[in-house]
Amino acid sequence: METKCTLCRHTIPDRSLQRWCACGWCMDPNCDRNHRSFCPVHGSERWIGAVEL
């Protein structure tokens, strides 16, 4: 089954590359690193993630 990154919307071709965050987003490894600081669940800049949802 094809999965798309919640952040950039690109297809994640390999299941081993999927990263699931506590907020429910599925991302590729690069987007996961970029998402950490503004994750609405545990990021240091949570307010940005809350606005983006």
N, C-alpha and C. Protein backbone atom coordinates (compact mmCIF):
# COMPACT_ATOMS: atom_id res chain seq x y z
N MET A 1 0.83 -1.18 0.00
CA MET A 1 0.00 0.00 0.00
C MET A 1 0.88 1.24 0.00
N GLU A 2 0.53 2.20 -0.80
CA GLU A 2 1.29 3.43 -0.94
C GLU A 2 0.93 4.41 0.17
N THR A 3 1.94 4.99 0.80
CA THR A 3 1.73 5.96 1.86
C THR A 3 2.33 7.28 1.45
N LYS A 4 1.65 8.38 1.80
CA LYS A 4 2.18 9.71 1.51
C LYS A 4 2.61 10.38 2.79
N CYS A 5 3.67 11.14 2.70
CA CYS A 5 4.16 11.91 3.83
C CYS A 5 3.13 13.00 4.16
N THR A 6 2.77 13.11 5.41
CA THR A 6 1.79 14.10 5.83
C THR A 6 2.33 15.51 5.67
N LEU A 7 3.62 15.70 5.80
CA LEU A 7 4.21 17.03 5.73
C LEU A 7 4.42 17.51 4.30
N CYS A 8 5.10 16.72 3.47
CA CYS A 8 5.43 17.16 2.11
C CYS A 8 4.53 16.55 1.03
N ARG A 9 3.73 15.55 1.40
CA ARG A 9 2.78 14.88 0.51
C ARG A 9 3.43 14.01 -0.56
N HIS A 10 4.74 13.77 -0.49
CA HIS A 10 5.40 12.86 -1.43
C HIS A 10 5.15 11.41 -1.01
N THR A 11 5.18 10.52 -1.97
CA THR A 11 4.99 9.10 -1.70
C THR A 11 6.22 8.53 -1.00
N ILE A 12 5.98 7.72 0.02
CA ILE A 12 7.05 7.02 0.73
C ILE A 12 7.06 5.60 0.17
N PRO A 13 8.05 5.28 -0.68
CA PRO A 13 8.03 4.00 -1.38
C PRO A 13 8.31 2.77 -0.51
N ASP A 14 9.07 2.93 0.53
CA ASP A 14 9.50 1.79 1.35
C ASP A 14 8.96 1.94 2.77
N ARG A 15 8.30 0.91 3.29
CA ARG A 15 7.73 0.96 4.64
C ARG A 15 8.79 1.18 5.71
N SER A 16 10.01 0.76 5.45
CA SER A 16 11.07 0.93 6.44
C SER A 16 11.47 2.40 6.59
N LEU A 17 11.08 3.24 5.64
CA LEU A 17 11.38 4.67 5.70
C LEU A 17 10.29 5.47 6.41
N GLN A 18 9.16 4.86 6.68
CA GLN A 18 8.06 5.56 7.35
C GLN A 18 8.41 5.86 8.80
N ARG A 19 8.14 7.07 9.23
CA ARG A 19 8.32 7.46 10.62
C ARG A 19 6.97 7.95 11.13
N TRP A 20 6.48 7.35 12.20
CA TRP A 20 5.20 7.74 12.79
C TRP A 20 5.47 8.59 14.02
N CYS A 21 4.83 9.72 14.09
CA CYS A 21 4.99 10.63 15.22
C CYS A 21 3.83 10.40 16.20
N ALA A 22 4.02 10.85 17.43
CA ALA A 22 2.97 10.73 18.46
C ALA A 22 1.72 11.53 18.09
N CYS A 23 1.86 12.52 17.23
CA CYS A 23 0.70 13.32 16.82
C CYS A 23 -0.11 12.65 15.72
N GLY A 24 0.40 11.52 15.19
CA GLY A 24 -0.33 10.77 14.18
C GLY A 24 0.14 10.99 12.75
N TRP A 25 1.12 11.83 12.56
CA TRP A 25 1.63 12.08 11.22
C TRP A 25 2.57 10.96 10.79
N CYS A 26 2.50 10.58 9.52
CA CYS A 26 3.42 9.62 8.93
C CYS A 26 4.33 10.41 7.99
N MET A 27 5.65 10.27 8.18
CA MET A 27 6.59 11.06 7.39
C MET A 27 7.78 10.24 6.96
N ASP A 28 8.52 10.79 5.98
CA ASP A 28 9.79 10.19 5.62
C ASP A 28 10.83 10.71 6.64
N PRO A 29 12.02 10.12 6.68
CA PRO A 29 13.00 10.51 7.71
C PRO A 29 13.37 11.99 7.69
N ASN A 30 13.49 12.59 6.53
CA ASN A 30 13.86 14.00 6.44
C ASN A 30 12.76 14.89 7.02
N CYS A 31 11.53 14.64 6.65
CA CYS A 31 10.42 15.44 7.17
C CYS A 31 10.24 15.21 8.66
N ASP A 32 10.52 14.01 9.13
CA ASP A 32 10.43 13.72 10.56
C ASP A 32 11.38 14.62 11.34
N ARG A 33 12.61 14.77 10.86
CA ARG A 33 13.57 15.66 11.52
C ARG A 33 13.07 17.10 11.52
N ASN A 34 12.51 17.53 10.40
CA ASN A 34 12.02 18.91 10.30
C ASN A 34 10.77 19.13 11.15
N HIS A 35 9.99 18.11 11.37
CA HIS A 35 8.72 18.20 12.09
C HIS A 35 8.89 18.22 13.61
N ARG A 36 9.95 17.65 14.11
CA ARG A 36 10.12 17.47 15.56
C ARG A 36 9.94 18.74 16.38
N SER A 37 10.51 19.84 15.94
CA SER A 37 10.45 21.06 16.75
C SER A 37 9.05 21.68 16.80
N PHE A 38 8.23 21.46 15.76
CA PHE A 38 6.89 22.05 15.78
C PHE A 38 5.77 21.02 15.87
N CYS A 39 6.10 19.82 16.37
CA CYS A 39 5.08 18.79 16.58
C CYS A 39 4.06 19.29 17.61
N PRO A 40 2.76 19.20 17.32
CA PRO A 40 1.76 19.69 18.26
C PRO A 40 1.69 18.88 19.56
N VAL A 41 2.33 17.71 19.62
CA VAL A 41 2.29 16.89 20.83
C VAL A 41 3.48 17.16 21.75
N HIS A 42 4.69 17.16 21.20
CA HIS A 42 5.86 17.29 22.07
C HIS A 42 6.95 18.19 21.52
N GLY A 43 6.67 19.07 20.61
CA GLY A 43 7.68 19.97 20.05
C GLY A 43 7.89 21.22 20.88
N SER A 44 9.07 21.80 20.77
CA SER A 44 9.38 23.02 21.52
C SER A 44 8.65 24.24 20.93
N GLU A 45 8.26 24.16 19.68
CA GLU A 45 7.50 25.23 19.02
C GLU A 45 6.09 24.73 18.68
N ARG A 46 5.42 24.13 19.65
CA ARG A 46 4.12 23.48 19.44
C ARG A 46 3.08 24.37 18.78
N TRP A 47 3.08 25.64 19.09
CA TRP A 47 2.04 26.52 18.56
C TRP A 47 2.05 26.55 17.02
N ILE A 48 3.23 26.38 16.40
CA ILE A 48 3.31 26.36 14.94
C ILE A 48 2.62 25.11 14.41
N GLY A 49 2.88 23.97 15.02
CA GLY A 49 2.24 22.71 14.61
C GLY A 49 0.75 22.75 14.80
N ALA A 50 0.28 23.38 15.85
CA ALA A 50 -1.16 23.48 16.10
C ALA A 50 -1.84 24.32 15.02
N VAL A 51 -1.18 25.35 14.56
CA VAL A 51 -1.73 26.21 13.50
C VAL A 51 -1.76 25.45 12.18
N GLU A 52 -0.74 24.61 11.91
CA GLU A 52 -0.65 23.90 10.65
C GLU A 52 -1.68 22.80 10.53
N LEU A 53 -2.16 22.23 11.63
CA LEU A 53 -3.14 21.15 11.55
C LEU A 53 -4.40 21.71 11.02
